[in-house]
Amino acid sequence: MINSDTEKNYARCFSTPSGIAVLSHLHQITINRILGPNCSDTELRWQEAQRSLVRYIDTLISRGRGDRNDNP
């Protein structure tokens, strides 16, 4: 289980202009990326693993800001 200090650190880190830019980039290359119909099973699994990590970071940021409804 992640402690609240770690969650707050994520929130602080990704609240800076640089952190916001990095998180935006991570969303662009993972969450917002669409794989074509010819992608392999391996590519699809790799992409979903990346998306999962970015969603986990989003959850930690949200919890660090005080939204306790997000569970990683």
N, C-alpha and C. Protein backbone atom coordinates (compact mmCIF):
# COMPACT_ATOMS: atom_id res chain seq x y z
N MET A 1 0.84 -1.18 0.00
CA MET A 1 0.00 0.00 0.00
C MET A 1 0.88 1.24 0.00
N ILE A 2 0.50 2.22 -0.77
CA ILE A 2 1.23 3.48 -0.87
C ILE A 2 0.80 4.38 0.28
N ASN A 3 1.76 5.03 0.91
CA ASN A 3 1.39 5.94 2.01
C ASN A 3 1.05 7.33 1.46
N SER A 4 0.42 8.13 2.29
CA SER A 4 -0.06 9.45 1.85
C SER A 4 1.09 10.38 1.49
N ASP A 5 2.26 10.20 2.11
CA ASP A 5 3.41 11.04 1.74
C ASP A 5 3.82 10.80 0.30
N THR A 6 3.82 9.55 -0.12
CA THR A 6 4.16 9.24 -1.50
C THR A 6 3.14 9.84 -2.46
N GLU A 7 1.86 9.72 -2.13
CA GLU A 7 0.81 10.29 -2.97
C GLU A 7 0.98 11.81 -3.07
N LYS A 8 1.27 12.46 -1.95
CA LYS A 8 1.48 13.91 -1.96
C LYS A 8 2.70 14.28 -2.79
N ASN A 9 3.74 13.46 -2.74
CA ASN A 9 4.92 13.72 -3.57
C ASN A 9 4.60 13.65 -5.05
N TYR A 10 3.77 12.67 -5.44
CA TYR A 10 3.34 12.59 -6.84
C TYR A 10 2.56 13.85 -7.22
N ALA A 11 1.65 14.26 -6.35
CA ALA A 11 0.83 15.44 -6.63
C ALA A 11 1.71 16.68 -6.78
N ARG A 12 2.67 16.84 -5.89
CA ARG A 12 3.57 18.00 -5.97
C ARG A 12 4.43 17.95 -7.22
N CYS A 13 4.99 16.80 -7.49
CA CYS A 13 5.88 16.63 -8.64
C CYS A 13 5.17 16.96 -9.96
N PHE A 14 3.96 16.45 -10.11
CA PHE A 14 3.25 16.63 -11.37
C PHE A 14 2.38 17.88 -11.39
N SER A 15 2.51 18.75 -10.37
CA SER A 15 1.79 20.02 -10.37
C SER A 15 2.65 21.17 -10.89
N THR A 16 3.94 20.91 -11.06
CA THR A 16 4.83 21.95 -11.60
C THR A 16 4.61 22.05 -13.11
N PRO A 17 5.01 23.16 -13.71
CA PRO A 17 4.89 23.25 -15.18
C PRO A 17 5.60 22.10 -15.90
N SER A 18 6.77 21.74 -15.42
CA SER A 18 7.49 20.62 -16.05
C SER A 18 6.76 19.31 -15.84
N GLY A 19 6.25 19.09 -14.65
CA GLY A 19 5.51 17.86 -14.36
C GLY A 19 4.25 17.74 -15.19
N ILE A 20 3.56 18.85 -15.36
CA ILE A 20 2.34 18.87 -16.19
C ILE A 20 2.68 18.53 -17.63
N ALA A 21 3.80 19.08 -18.13
CA ALA A 21 4.23 18.81 -19.50
C ALA A 21 4.61 17.34 -19.67
N VAL A 22 5.32 16.78 -18.69
CA VAL A 22 5.72 15.38 -18.76
C VAL A 22 4.49 14.47 -18.72
N LEU A 23 3.56 14.76 -17.83
CA LEU A 23 2.35 13.95 -17.73
C LEU A 23 1.53 14.03 -19.02
N SER A 24 1.46 15.20 -19.59
CA SER A 24 0.77 15.36 -20.87
C SER A 24 1.42 14.50 -21.95
N HIS A 25 2.74 14.51 -21.98
CA HIS A 25 3.47 13.70 -22.96
C HIS A 25 3.20 12.21 -22.73
N LEU A 26 3.20 11.79 -21.47
CA LEU A 26 2.91 10.38 -21.16
C LEU A 26 1.51 9.99 -21.64
N HIS A 27 0.55 10.90 -21.47
CA HIS A 27 -0.82 10.64 -21.96
C HIS A 27 -0.84 10.52 -23.48
N GLN A 28 -0.10 11.40 -24.14
CA GLN A 28 -0.07 11.37 -25.61
C GLN A 28 0.48 10.06 -26.15
N ILE A 29 1.53 9.53 -25.51
CA ILE A 29 2.17 8.33 -26.05
C ILE A 29 1.59 7.03 -25.50
N THR A 30 0.64 7.14 -24.57
CA THR A 30 0.04 5.92 -24.02
C THR A 30 -1.47 5.95 -24.11
N ILE A 31 -2.11 6.74 -23.27
CA ILE A 31 -3.58 6.76 -23.18
C ILE A 31 -4.21 7.16 -24.52
N ASN A 32 -3.67 8.19 -25.16
CA ASN A 32 -4.27 8.72 -26.38
C ASN A 32 -3.80 8.01 -27.65
N ARG A 33 -2.88 7.09 -27.53
CA ARG A 33 -2.35 6.39 -28.70
C ARG A 33 -3.31 5.28 -29.12
N ILE A 34 -3.54 5.19 -30.41
CA ILE A 34 -4.42 4.17 -30.96
C ILE A 34 -3.58 3.23 -31.81
N LEU A 35 -3.65 1.97 -31.49
CA LEU A 35 -2.94 0.97 -32.28
C LEU A 35 -3.82 0.54 -33.44
N GLY A 36 -3.22 0.29 -34.57
CA GLY A 36 -3.97 -0.13 -35.75
C GLY A 36 -4.45 -1.56 -35.65
N PRO A 37 -5.30 -1.94 -36.57
CA PRO A 37 -5.87 -3.30 -36.54
C PRO A 37 -4.85 -4.40 -36.81
N ASN A 38 -3.70 -4.02 -37.34
CA ASN A 38 -2.68 -5.02 -37.66
C ASN A 38 -1.63 -5.19 -36.55
N CYS A 39 -1.87 -4.58 -35.40
CA CYS A 39 -0.89 -4.71 -34.32
C CYS A 39 -0.90 -6.14 -33.77
N SER A 40 0.24 -6.53 -33.28
CA SER A 40 0.36 -7.89 -32.74
C SER A 40 -0.18 -7.94 -31.32
N ASP A 41 -0.38 -9.15 -30.86
CA ASP A 41 -0.81 -9.36 -29.49
C ASP A 41 0.22 -8.79 -28.52
N THR A 42 1.48 -8.96 -28.84
CA THR A 42 2.56 -8.43 -28.00
C THR A 42 2.51 -6.92 -27.92
N GLU A 43 2.31 -6.25 -29.06
CA GLU A 43 2.21 -4.78 -29.08
C GLU A 43 1.02 -4.31 -28.25
N LEU A 44 -0.10 -4.99 -28.38
CA LEU A 44 -1.30 -4.63 -27.65
C LEU A 44 -1.09 -4.78 -26.14
N ARG A 45 -0.47 -5.85 -25.73
CA ARG A 45 -0.20 -6.07 -24.31
C ARG A 45 0.79 -5.04 -23.77
N TRP A 46 1.83 -4.74 -24.54
CA TRP A 46 2.81 -3.74 -24.13
C TRP A 46 2.15 -2.37 -23.97
N GLN A 47 1.31 -2.00 -24.93
CA GLN A 47 0.61 -0.72 -24.88
C GLN A 47 -0.30 -0.64 -23.66
N GLU A 48 -1.01 -1.71 -23.39
CA GLU A 48 -1.92 -1.71 -22.24
C GLU A 48 -1.15 -1.63 -20.93
N ALA A 49 0.02 -2.24 -20.86
CA ALA A 49 0.86 -2.13 -19.66
C ALA A 49 1.31 -0.68 -19.45
N GLN A 50 1.69 -0.01 -20.52
CA GLN A 50 2.08 1.39 -20.42
C GLN A 50 0.91 2.25 -19.96
N ARG A 51 -0.25 2.01 -20.54
CA ARG A 51 -1.45 2.76 -20.14
C ARG A 51 -1.77 2.55 -18.67
N SER A 52 -1.62 1.33 -18.23
CA SER A 52 -1.90 1.01 -16.83
C SER A 52 -0.97 1.80 -15.90
N LEU A 53 0.29 1.90 -16.25
CA LEU A 53 1.23 2.65 -15.43
C LEU A 53 0.85 4.13 -15.37
N VAL A 54 0.48 4.72 -16.51
CA VAL A 54 0.10 6.13 -16.53
C VAL A 54 -1.19 6.34 -15.73
N ARG A 55 -2.14 5.42 -15.84
CA ARG A 55 -3.37 5.54 -15.03
C ARG A 55 -3.04 5.44 -13.54
N TYR A 56 -2.08 4.60 -13.19
CA TYR A 56 -1.66 4.47 -11.80
C TYR A 56 -1.05 5.78 -11.30
N ILE A 57 -0.22 6.40 -12.11
CA ILE A 57 0.35 7.71 -11.76
C ILE A 57 -0.77 8.73 -11.59
N ASP A 58 -1.72 8.75 -12.51
CA ASP A 58 -2.87 9.67 -12.39
C ASP A 58 -3.61 9.46 -11.07
N THR A 59 -3.80 8.20 -10.69
CA THR A 59 -4.50 7.89 -9.45
C THR A 59 -3.73 8.39 -8.23
N LEU A 60 -2.41 8.18 -8.22
CA LEU A 60 -1.60 8.67 -7.10
C LEU A 60 -1.64 10.19 -7.01
N ILE A 61 -1.60 10.86 -8.14
CA ILE A 61 -1.69 12.32 -8.16
C ILE A 61 -3.03 12.76 -7.57
N SER A 62 -4.09 12.15 -8.03
CA SER A 62 -5.43 12.51 -7.56
C SER A 62 -5.56 12.28 -6.06
N ARG A 63 -5.09 11.15 -5.59
CA ARG A 63 -5.16 10.87 -4.15
C ARG A 63 -4.29 11.84 -3.36
N GLY A 64 -3.13 12.20 -3.91
CA GLY A 64 -2.26 13.16 -3.24
C GLY A 64 -2.86 14.54 -3.13
N ARG A 65 -3.80 14.82 -4.03
CA ARG A 65 -4.51 16.11 -3.99
C ARG A 65 -5.73 16.05 -3.07
N GLY A 66 -6.01 14.85 -2.52
CA GLY A 66 -7.10 14.72 -1.56
C GLY A 66 -8.33 14.01 -2.06
N ASP A 67 -8.34 13.54 -3.29
CA ASP A 67 -9.50 12.80 -3.79
C ASP A 67 -9.34 11.33 -3.42
N ARG A 68 -9.94 10.92 -2.32
CA ARG A 68 -9.76 9.56 -1.82
C ARG A 68 -10.65 8.55 -2.54
N ASN A 69 -11.40 8.97 -3.55
CA ASN A 69 -12.25 8.04 -4.28
C ASN A 69 -11.46 7.24 -5.32
N ASP A 70 -10.22 7.65 -5.58
CA ASP A 70 -9.41 6.94 -6.56
C ASP A 70 -8.60 5.86 -5.88
N ASN A 71 -8.76 4.64 -6.34
CA ASN A 71 -8.00 3.52 -5.80
C ASN A 71 -7.06 2.99 -6.87
N PRO A 72 -5.77 2.89 -6.57
CA PRO A 72 -4.83 2.38 -7.58
C PRO A 72 -5.03 0.90 -7.84
